[in-house]
PDB file of all heavy atoms in Angstrom:
ATOM      1  N   GLU A   1      -5.613  47.272 241.570  1.00  0.00           N
ATOM      2  CA  GLU A   1      -5.255  46.164 242.491  1.00  0.00           C
ATOM      3  C   GLU A   1      -5.737  46.418 243.858  1.00  0.00           C
ATOM      4  O   GLU A   1      -5.941  47.598 244.318  1.00  0.00           O
ATOM      5  CB  GLU A   1      -3.728  45.910 242.631  1.00  0.00           C
ATOM      6  CG  GLU A   1      -3.066  45.704 241.288  1.00  0.00           C
ATOM      7  CD  GLU A   1      -2.403  46.957 240.741  1.00  0.00           C
ATOM      8  OE1 GLU A   1      -2.936  48.058 241.078  1.00  0.00           O
ATOM      9  OE2 GLU A   1      -1.410  46.965 239.972  1.00  0.00           O
ATOM     10  N   SER A   2      -6.086  45.403 244.547  1.00  0.00           N
ATOM     11  CA  SER A   2      -6.448  45.452 245.988  1.00  0.00           C
ATOM     12  C   SER A   2      -6.076  44.204 246.644  1.00  0.00           C
ATOM     13  O   SER A   2      -5.742  43.189 245.985  1.00  0.00           O
ATOM     14  CB  SER A   2      -7.983  45.779 246.130  1.00  0.00           C
ATOM     15  OG  SER A   2      -8.750  44.688 245.512  1.00  0.00           O
ATOM     16  N   GLY A   3      -6.120  44.254 248.035  1.00  0.00           N
ATOM     17  CA  GLY A   3      -5.832  43.092 248.798  1.00  0.00           C
ATOM     18  C   GLY A   3      -4.525  42.876 249.506  1.00  0.00           C
ATOM     19  O   GLY A   3      -4.219  42.008 250.181  1.00  0.00           O
ATOM     20  N   GLY A   4      -3.569  43.944 249.229  1.00  0.00           N
ATOM     21  CA  GLY A   4      -2.277  43.887 249.900  1.00  0.00           C
ATOM     22  C   GLY A   4      -2.416  44.167 251.366  1.00  0.00           C
ATOM     23  O   GLY A   4      -3.501  44.507 251.922  1.00  0.00           O
ATOM     24  N   GLY A   5      -1.241  43.970 252.087  1.00  0.00           N
ATOM     25  CA  GLY A   5      -1.285  44.155 253.435  1.00  0.00           C
ATOM     26  C   GLY A   5      -0.085  43.569 254.179  1.00  0.00           C
ATOM     27  O   GLY A   5       0.890  43.085 253.504  1.00  0.00           O
ATOM     28  N   LEU A   6      -0.114  43.459 255.532  1.00  0.00           N
ATOM     29  CA  LEU A   6       0.938  42.842 256.299  1.00  0.00           C
ATOM     30  C   LEU A   6       0.498  41.481 256.726  1.00  0.00           C
ATOM     31  O   LEU A   6      -0.671  41.342 257.195  1.00  0.00           O
ATOM     32  CB  LEU A   6       1.192  43.683 257.521  1.00  0.00           C
ATOM     33  CG  LEU A   6       2.148  43.211 258.581  1.00  0.00           C
ATOM     34  CD1 LEU A   6       3.544  43.083 257.968  1.00  0.00           C
ATOM     35  CD2 LEU A   6       2.076  44.244 259.763  1.00  0.00           C
ATOM     36  N   VAL A   7       1.338  40.495 256.601  1.00  0.00           N
ATOM     37  CA  VAL A   7       1.059  39.230 256.905  1.00  0.00           C
ATOM     38  C   VAL A   7       2.447  38.500 257.509  1.00  0.00           C
ATOM     39  O   VAL A   7       3.440  38.839 257.027  1.00  0.00           O
ATOM     40  CB  VAL A   7       0.487  38.387 255.785  1.00  0.00           C
ATOM     41  CG1 VAL A   7       1.593  38.260 254.654  1.00  0.00           C
ATOM     42  CG2 VAL A   7      -0.006  37.009 256.161  1.00  0.00           C
ATOM     43  N   GLN A   8       2.213  37.544 258.352  1.00  0.00           N
ATOM     44  CA  GLN A   8       3.395  36.824 258.910  1.00  0.00           C
ATOM     45  C   GLN A   8       3.806  35.817 257.909  1.00  0.00           C
ATOM     46  O   GLN A   8       3.025  35.301 257.117  1.00  0.00           O
ATOM     47  CB  GLN A   8       3.017  36.168 260.223  1.00  0.00           C
ATOM     48  CG  GLN A   8       2.788  37.168 261.407  1.00  0.00           C
ATOM     49  CD  GLN A   8       2.745  36.551 262.792  1.00  0.00           C
ATOM     50  OE1 GLN A   8       2.236  35.417 262.875  1.00  0.00           O
ATOM     51  NE2 GLN A   8       3.183  37.240 263.838  1.00  0.00           N
ATOM     52  N   ALA A   9       5.061  35.458 258.062  1.00  0.00           N
ATOM     53  CA  ALA A   9       5.611  34.396 257.139  1.00  0.00           C
ATOM     54  C   ALA A   9       4.804  33.111 257.451  1.00  0.00           C
ATOM     55  O   ALA A   9       4.400  32.751 258.529  1.00  0.00           O
ATOM     56  CB  ALA A   9       7.080  34.110 257.544  1.00  0.00           C
ATOM     57  N   GLY A  10       4.521  32.451 256.298  1.00  0.00           N
ATOM     58  CA  GLY A  10       3.723  31.321 256.192  1.00  0.00           C
ATOM     59  C   GLY A  10       2.202  31.540 256.047  1.00  0.00           C
ATOM     60  O   GLY A  10       1.425  30.652 255.958  1.00  0.00           O
ATOM     61  N   GLY A  11       1.822  32.745 256.102  1.00  0.00           N
ATOM     62  CA  GLY A  11       0.397  33.131 256.018  1.00  0.00           C
ATOM     63  C   GLY A  11       0.065  33.357 254.476  1.00  0.00           C
ATOM     64  O   GLY A  11       0.818  32.985 253.537  1.00  0.00           O
ATOM     65  N   SER A  12      -1.198  33.755 254.206  1.00  0.00           N
ATOM     66  CA  SER A  12      -1.757  33.898 252.919  1.00  0.00           C
ATOM     67  C   SER A  12      -2.327  35.294 252.725  1.00  0.00           C
ATOM     68  O   SER A  12      -2.783  35.912 253.639  1.00  0.00           O
ATOM     69  CB  SER A  12      -2.801  32.819 252.715  1.00  0.00           C
ATOM     70  OG  SER A  12      -2.330  31.467 252.813  1.00  0.00           O
ATOM     71  N   LEU A  13      -2.371  35.688 251.407  1.00  0.00           N
ATOM     72  CA  LEU A  13      -3.085  36.823 251.033  1.00  0.00           C
ATOM     73  C   LEU A  13      -3.709  36.569 249.647  1.00  0.00           C
ATOM     74  O   LEU A  13      -3.072  35.733 248.950  1.00  0.00           O
ATOM     75  CB  LEU A  13      -2.192  38.002 250.913  1.00  0.00           C
ATOM     76  CG  LEU A  13      -1.903  38.866 252.231  1.00  0.00           C
ATOM     77  CD1 LEU A  13      -0.862  39.939 251.897  1.00  0.00           C
ATOM     78  CD2 LEU A  13      -3.191  39.348 252.855  1.00  0.00           C
ATOM     79  N   ARG A  14      -4.773  37.152 249.294  1.00  0.00           N
ATOM     80  CA  ARG A  14      -5.336  37.217 247.977  1.00  0.00           C
ATOM     81  C   ARG A  14      -5.354  38.493 247.446  1.00  0.00           C
ATOM     82  O   ARG A  14      -6.106  39.431 247.968  1.00  0.00           O
ATOM     83  CB  ARG A  14      -6.670  36.410 247.890  1.00  0.00           C
ATOM     84  CG  ARG A  14      -7.084  36.208 246.511  1.00  0.00           C
ATOM     85  CD  ARG A  14      -8.458  35.502 246.417  1.00  0.00           C
ATOM     86  NE  ARG A  14      -9.572  36.393 246.436  1.00  0.00           N
ATOM     87  CZ  ARG A  14     -10.689  36.125 246.027  1.00  0.00           C
ATOM     88  NH1 ARG A  14     -10.996  35.058 245.285  1.00  0.00           N
ATOM     89  NH2 ARG A  14     -11.675  36.971 246.207  1.00  0.00           N
ATOM     90  N   LEU A  15      -4.722  38.741 246.315  1.00  0.00           N
ATOM     91  CA  LEU A  15      -4.783  40.063 245.600  1.00  0.00           C
ATOM     92  C   LEU A  15      -5.831  40.047 244.448  1.00  0.00           C
ATOM     93  O   LEU A  15      -6.058  38.894 243.871  1.00  0.00           O
ATOM     94  CB  LEU A  15      -3.375  40.390 244.925  1.00  0.00           C
ATOM     95  CG  LEU A  15      -2.198  40.493 245.950  1.00  0.00           C
ATOM     96  CD1 LEU A  15      -0.969  40.915 245.303  1.00  0.00           C
ATOM     97  CD2 LEU A  15      -2.440  41.348 247.204  1.00  0.00           C
ATOM     98  N   SER A  16      -6.461  41.015 244.205  1.00  0.00           N
ATOM     99  CA  SER A  16      -7.369  41.242 243.101  1.00  0.00           C
ATOM    100  C   SER A  16      -7.019  42.310 242.141  1.00  0.00           C
ATOM    101  O   SER A  16      -6.301  43.296 242.589  1.00  0.00           O
ATOM    102  CB  SER A  16      -8.809  41.529 243.649  1.00  0.00           C
ATOM    103  OG  SER A  16      -9.230  40.509 244.590  1.00  0.00           O
ATOM    104  N   CYS A  17      -7.287  42.129 240.971  1.00  0.00           N
ATOM    105  CA  CYS A  17      -6.969  43.175 239.983  1.00  0.00           C
ATOM    106  C   CYS A  17      -8.221  43.312 239.026  1.00  0.00           C
ATOM    107  O   CYS A  17      -8.696  42.365 238.314  1.00  0.00           O
ATOM    108  CB  CYS A  17      -5.803  42.731 239.065  1.00  0.00           C
ATOM    109  SG  CYS A  17      -5.605  43.874 237.661  1.00  0.00           S
ATOM    110  N   ALA A  18      -8.939  44.327 239.190  1.00  0.00           N
ATOM    111  CA  ALA A  18     -10.177  44.646 238.375  1.00  0.00           C
ATOM    112  C   ALA A  18      -9.921  45.464 237.204  1.00  0.00           C
ATOM    113  O   ALA A  18      -9.298  46.476 237.381  1.00  0.00           O
ATOM    114  CB  ALA A  18     -11.213  45.349 239.394  1.00  0.00           C
ATOM    115  N   ALA A  19     -10.409  45.014 236.110  1.00  0.00           N
ATOM    116  CA  ALA A  19     -10.203  45.680 234.824  1.00  0.00           C
ATOM    117  C   ALA A  19     -11.490  46.411 234.425  1.00  0.00           C
ATOM    118  O   ALA A  19     -12.573  45.801 234.539  1.00  0.00           O
ATOM    119  CB  ALA A  19      -9.736  44.851 233.721  1.00  0.00           C
ATOM    120  N   SER A  20     -11.324  47.625 234.087  1.00  0.00           N
ATOM    121  CA  SER A  20     -12.521  48.448 233.616  1.00  0.00           C
ATOM    122  C   SER A  20     -12.154  49.222 232.296  1.00  0.00           C
ATOM    123  O   SER A  20     -11.088  49.213 231.874  1.00  0.00           O
ATOM    124  CB  SER A  20     -12.923  49.349 234.717  1.00  0.00           C
ATOM    125  OG  SER A  20     -11.970  50.245 235.086  1.00  0.00           O
ATOM    126  N   GLY A  21     -13.166  49.986 231.849  1.00  0.00           N
ATOM    127  CA  GLY A  21     -12.948  50.567 230.481  1.00  0.00           C
ATOM    128  C   GLY A  21     -13.156  49.564 229.454  1.00  0.00           C
ATOM    129  O   GLY A  21     -14.099  48.801 229.403  1.00  0.00           O
ATOM    130  N   ARG A  22     -12.231  49.583 228.545  1.00  0.00           N
ATOM    131  CA  ARG A  22     -12.328  48.681 227.325  1.00  0.00           C
ATOM    132  C   ARG A  22     -11.628  47.333 227.736  1.00  0.00           C
ATOM    133  O   ARG A  22     -10.751  46.815 226.981  1.00  0.00           O
ATOM    134  CB  ARG A  22     -11.672  49.301 226.211  1.00  0.00           C
ATOM    135  CG  ARG A  22     -12.311  50.612 225.656  1.00  0.00           C
ATOM    136  CD  ARG A  22     -11.605  51.332 224.516  1.00  0.00           C
ATOM    137  NE  ARG A  22     -11.859  50.581 223.229  1.00  0.00           N
ATOM    138  CZ  ARG A  22     -12.870  50.667 222.540  1.00  0.00           C
ATOM    139  NH1 ARG A  22     -13.862  51.422 222.822  1.00  0.00           N
ATOM    140  NH2 ARG A  22     -12.947  49.918 221.409  1.00  0.00           N
ATOM    141  N   ALA A  23     -12.159  46.776 228.792  1.00  0.00           N
ATOM    142  CA  ALA A  23     -11.475  45.488 229.336  1.00  0.00           C
ATOM    143  C   ALA A  23     -11.547  44.446 228.326  1.00  0.00           C
ATOM    144  O   ALA A  23     -10.735  43.443 228.412  1.00  0.00           O
ATOM    145  CB  ALA A  23     -12.037  45.196 230.730  1.00  0.00           C
ATOM    146  N   PHE A  24     -12.562  44.470 227.472  1.00  0.00           N
ATOM    147  CA  PHE A  24     -12.703  43.372 226.529  1.00  0.00           C
ATOM    148  C   PHE A  24     -11.451  43.174 225.662  1.00  0.00           C
ATOM    149  O   PHE A  24     -11.387  42.264 224.962  1.00  0.00           O
ATOM    150  CB  PHE A  24     -13.969  43.424 225.778  1.00  0.00           C
ATOM    151  CG  PHE A  24     -14.111  44.804 225.058  1.00  0.00           C
ATOM    152  CD1 PHE A  24     -13.621  44.984 223.825  1.00  0.00           C
ATOM    153  CD2 PHE A  24     -14.816  45.747 225.653  1.00  0.00           C
ATOM    154  CE1 PHE A  24     -13.743  46.138 223.050  1.00  0.00           C
ATOM    155  CE2 PHE A  24     -14.950  47.019 224.988  1.00  0.00           C
ATOM    156  CZ  PHE A  24     -14.427  47.217 223.737  1.00  0.00           C
ATOM    157  N   ASN A  25     -10.735  44.348 225.564  1.00  0.00           N
ATOM    158  CA  ASN A  25      -9.558  44.419 224.558  1.00  0.00           C
ATOM    159  C   ASN A  25      -8.380  43.698 225.186  1.00  0.00           C
ATOM    160  O   ASN A  25      -7.363  43.406 224.532  1.00  0.00           O
ATOM    161  CB  ASN A  25      -9.105  45.763 224.346  1.00  0.00           C
ATOM    162  CG  ASN A  25     -10.119  46.404 223.224  1.00  0.00           C
ATOM    163  OD1 ASN A  25     -10.721  45.752 222.507  1.00  0.00           O
ATOM    164  ND2 ASN A  25     -10.060  47.721 223.119  1.00  0.00           N
ATOM    165  N   VAL A  26      -8.458  43.311 226.594  1.00  0.00           N
ATOM    166  CA  VAL A  26      -7.303  42.724 227.195  1.00  0.00           C
ATOM    167  C   VAL A  26      -7.209  41.266 226.900  1.00  0.00           C
ATOM    168  O   VAL A  26      -8.306  40.625 227.170  1.00  0.00           O
ATOM    169  CB  VAL A  26      -7.300  43.074 228.647  1.00  0.00           C
ATOM    170  CG1 VAL A  26      -6.139  42.322 229.381  1.00  0.00           C
ATOM    171  CG2 VAL A  26      -7.230  44.522 228.805  1.00  0.00           C
ATOM    172  N   TYR A  27      -6.162  40.770 226.532  1.00  0.00           N
ATOM    173  CA  TYR A  27      -6.155  39.346 226.204  1.00  0.00           C
ATOM    174  C   TYR A  27      -5.177  38.474 227.245  1.00  0.00           C
ATOM    175  O   TYR A  27      -5.603  37.416 227.589  1.00  0.00           O
ATOM    176  CB  TYR A  27      -5.505  39.108 224.839  1.00  0.00           C
ATOM    177  CG  TYR A  27      -5.677  37.743 224.174  1.00  0.00           C
ATOM    178  CD1 TYR A  27      -6.766  37.560 223.355  1.00  0.00           C
ATOM    179  CD2 TYR A  27      -5.013  36.621 224.504  1.00  0.00           C
ATOM    180  CE1 TYR A  27      -7.031  36.331 222.861  1.00  0.00           C
ATOM    181  CE2 TYR A  27      -5.206  35.423 223.984  1.00  0.00           C
ATOM    182  CZ  TYR A  27      -6.229  35.223 223.224  1.00  0.00           C
ATOM    183  OH  TYR A  27      -6.490  34.019 222.687  1.00  0.00           O
ATOM    184  N   THR A  28      -4.136  39.072 227.730  1.00  0.00           N
ATOM    185  CA  THR A  28      -3.252  38.523 228.650  1.00  0.00           C
ATOM    186  C   THR A  28      -3.143  39.416 229.898  1.00  0.00           C
ATOM    187  O   THR A  28      -2.967  40.569 229.736  1.00  0.00           O
ATOM    188  CB  THR A  28      -1.929  38.245 227.985  1.00  0.00           C
ATOM    189  OG1 THR A  28      -2.095  37.464 226.857  1.00  0.00           O
ATOM    190  CG2 THR A  28      -1.094  37.638 229.060  1.00  0.00           C
ATOM    191  N   MET A  29      -3.299  38.794 231.057  1.00  0.00           N
ATOM    192  CA  MET A  29      -3.010  39.470 232.352  1.00  0.00           C
ATOM    193  C   MET A  29      -1.882  39.003 233.070  1.00  0.00           C
ATOM    194  O   MET A  29      -1.578  37.677 232.913  1.00  0.00           O
ATOM    195  CB  MET A  29      -4.314  39.444 233.143  1.00  0.00           C
ATOM    196  CG  MET A  29      -5.513  40.045 232.640  1.00  0.00           C
ATOM    197  SD  MET A  29      -5.428  41.873 232.596  1.00  0.00           S
ATOM    198  CE  MET A  29      -5.559  42.218 234.299  1.00  0.00           C
ATOM    199  N   ALA A  30      -1.139  39.672 233.799  1.00  0.00           N
ATOM    200  CA  ALA A  30       0.036  39.168 234.551  1.00  0.00           C
ATOM    201  C   ALA A  30       0.121  39.936 235.840  1.00  0.00           C
ATOM    202  O   ALA A  30      -0.441  41.080 235.994  1.00  0.00           O
ATOM    203  CB  ALA A  30       1.243  39.435 233.796  1.00  0.00           C
ATOM    204  N   TRP A  31       0.882  39.396 236.681  1.00  0.00           N
ATOM    205  CA  TRP A  31       1.273  39.953 237.941  1.00  0.00           C
ATOM    206  C   TRP A  31       2.860  40.084 238.006  1.00  0.00           C
ATOM    207  O   TRP A  31       3.554  39.153 237.627  1.00  0.00           O
ATOM    208  CB  TRP A  31       0.892  39.173 239.156  1.00  0.00           C
ATOM    209  CG  TRP A  31      -0.556  39.211 239.505  1.00  0.00           C
ATOM    210  CD1 TRP A  31      -1.501  38.243 239.017  1.00  0.00           C
ATOM    211  CD2 TRP A  31      -1.281  40.151 240.266  1.00  0.00           C
ATOM    212  NE1 TRP A  31      -2.790  38.635 239.559  1.00  0.00           N
ATOM    213  CE2 TRP A  31      -2.572  39.804 240.202  1.00  0.00           C
ATOM    214  CE3 TRP A  31      -0.983  41.275 240.987  1.00  0.00           C
ATOM    215  CZ2 TRP A  31      -3.629  40.546 240.888  1.00  0.00           C
ATOM    216  CZ3 TRP A  31      -1.958  42.060 241.543  1.00  0.00           C
ATOM    217  CH2 TRP A  31      -3.138  41.579 241.543  1.00  0.00           C
ATOM    218  N   PHE A  32       3.294  41.345 238.387  1.00  0.00           N
ATOM    219  CA  PHE A  32       4.657  41.518 238.621  1.00  0.00           C
ATOM    220  C   PHE A  32       4.827  42.092 240.058  1.00  0.00           C
ATOM    221  O   PHE A  32       3.854  42.496 240.625  1.00  0.00           O
ATOM    222  CB  PHE A  32       5.326  42.556 237.590  1.00  0.00           C
ATOM    223  CG  PHE A  32       5.421  42.118 236.191  1.00  0.00           C
ATOM    224  CD1 PHE A  32       4.260  41.968 235.296  1.00  0.00           C
ATOM    225  CD2 PHE A  32       6.598  41.782 235.626  1.00  0.00           C
ATOM    226  CE1 PHE A  32       4.272  41.551 234.010  1.00  0.00           C
ATOM    227  CE2 PHE A  32       6.645  41.341 234.269  1.00  0.00           C
ATOM    228  CZ  PHE A  32       5.566  41.193 233.548  1.00  0.00           C
ATOM    229  N   ARG A  33       6.081  42.044 240.456  1.00  0.00           N
ATOM    230  CA  ARG A  33       6.356  42.730 241.810  1.00  0.00           C
ATOM    231  C   ARG A  33       7.632  43.376 241.766  1.00  0.00           C
ATOM    232  O   ARG A  33       8.614  43.083 241.024  1.00  0.00           O
ATOM    233  CB  ARG A  33       6.242  41.617 242.916  1.00  0.00           C
ATOM    234  CG  ARG A  33       7.456  40.602 242.743  1.00  0.00           C
ATOM    235  CD  ARG A  33       7.200  39.540 243.827  1.00  0.00           C
ATOM    236  NE  ARG A  33       8.227  38.515 243.805  1.00  0.00           N
ATOM    237  CZ  ARG A  33       8.245  37.465 244.616  1.00  0.00           C
ATOM    238  NH1 ARG A  33       7.276  37.050 245.432  1.00  0.00           N
ATOM    239  NH2 ARG A  33       9.285  36.675 244.458  1.00  0.00           N
ATOM    240  N   GLN A  34       7.755  44.398 242.657  1.00  0.00           N
ATOM    241  CA  GLN A  34       9.055  45.024 242.754  1.00  0.00           C
ATOM    242  C   GLN A  34       9.346  45.321 244.286  1.00  0.00           C
ATOM    243  O   GLN A  34       8.667  46.027 244.958  1.00  0.00           O
ATOM    244  CB  GLN A  34       8.844  46.522 242.038  1.00  0.00           C
ATOM    245  CG  GLN A  34      10.258  47.165 241.960  1.00  0.00           C
ATOM    246  CD  GLN A  34      10.144  48.356 240.957  1.00  0.00           C
ATOM    247  OE1 GLN A  34       9.074  48.761 240.568  1.00  0.00           O
ATOM    248  NE2 GLN A  34      11.316  48.832 240.565  1.00  0.00           N
ATOM    249  N   ALA A  35      10.423  44.711 244.691  1.00  0.00           N
ATOM    250  CA  ALA A  35      10.861  44.894 246.097  1.00  0.00           C
ATOM    251  C   ALA A  35      11.817  46.089 246.076  1.00  0.00           C
ATOM    252  O   ALA A  35      12.286  46.565 245.104  1.00  0.00           O
ATOM    253  CB  ALA A  35      11.753  43.581 246.490  1.00  0.00           C
ATOM    254  N   PRO A  36      11.900  46.730 247.317  1.00  0.00           N
ATOM    255  CA  PRO A  36      12.729  47.939 247.428  1.00  0.00           C
ATOM    256  C   PRO A  36      14.151  47.778 246.911  1.00  0.00           C
ATOM    257  O   PRO A  36      14.824  46.728 247.278  1.00  0.00           O
ATOM    258  CB  PRO A  36      12.783  48.197 248.882  1.00  0.00           C
ATOM    259  CG  PRO A  36      11.507  47.528 249.461  1.00  0.00           C
ATOM    260  CD  PRO A  36      11.307  46.295 248.612  1.00  0.00           C
ATOM    261  N   GLY A  37      14.659  48.599 246.010  1.00  0.00           N
ATOM    262  CA  GLY A  37      15.928  48.616 245.542  1.00  0.00           C
ATOM    263  C   GLY A  37      16.190  47.586 244.531  1.00  0.00           C
ATOM    264  O   GLY A  37      17.240  47.376 243.958  1.00  0.00           O
ATOM    265  N   LYS A  38      15.012  46.919 244.034  1.00  0.00           N
ATOM    266  CA  LYS A  38      15.138  45.861 243.007  1.00  0.00           C
ATOM    267  C   LYS A  38      14.309  46.164 241.718  1.00  0.00           C
ATOM    268  O   LYS A  38      13.404  46.983 241.839  1.00  0.00           O
ATOM    269  CB  LYS A  38      14.832  44.531 243.564  1.00  0.00           C
ATOM    270  CG  LYS A  38      15.690  43.960 244.651  1.00  0.00           C
ATOM    271  CD  LYS A  38      15.440  42.518 245.087  1.00  0.00           C
ATOM    272  CE  LYS A  38      16.398  42.022 246.100  1.00  0.00           C
ATOM    273  NZ  LYS A  38      16.033  40.562 246.497  1.00  0.00           N
ATOM    274  N   GLU A  39      14.651  45.525 240.671  1.00  0.00           N
ATOM    275  CA  GLU A  39      13.846  45.642 239.409  1.00  0.00           C
ATOM    276  C   GLU A  39      12.595  44.911 239.546  1.00  0.00           C
ATOM    277  O   GLU A  39      12.386  43.958 240.311  1.00  0.00           O
ATOM    278  CB  GLU A  39      14.587  45.061 238.228  1.00  0.00           C
ATOM    279  CG  GLU A  39      15.958  46.000 237.911  1.00  0.00           C
ATOM    280  CD  GLU A  39      16.306  45.701 236.403  1.00  0.00           C
ATOM    281  OE1 GLU A  39      15.689  44.994 235.771  1.00  0.00           O
ATOM    282  OE2 GLU A  39      17.344  46.468 236.081  1.00  0.00           O
ATOM    283  N   ARG A  40      11.596  45.423 238.720  1.00  0.00           N
ATOM    284  CA  ARG A  40      10.283  44.752 238.723  1.00  0.00           C
ATOM    285  C   ARG A  40      10.386  43.403 238.089  1.00  0.00           C
ATOM    286  O   ARG A  40      11.028  43.176 237.043  1.00  0.00           O
ATOM    287  CB  ARG A  40       9.247  45.577 237.973  1.00  0.00           C
ATOM    288  CG  ARG A  40       7.855  45.213 238.056  1.00  0.00           C
ATOM    289  CD  ARG A  40       6.917  46.215 237.520  1.00  0.00           C
ATOM    290  NE  ARG A  40       7.100  47.553 238.169  1.00  0.00           N
ATOM    291  CZ  ARG A  40       6.264  48.574 238.035  1.00  0.00           C
ATOM    292  NH1 ARG A  40       5.331  48.378 237.015  1.00  0.00           N
ATOM    293  NH2 ARG A  40       6.513  49.652 238.623  1.00  0.00           N
TER     294      ARG A  40
END
């Protein structure tokens, strides 16, 4: 993953996730997040 950072409320960011290796085997991709002290 890449593209994270600090932004003000109301702003925008774009994250990227580059797959390598046997990437052709991947069928479904997803994004999850985990805030401090919380579950993913």
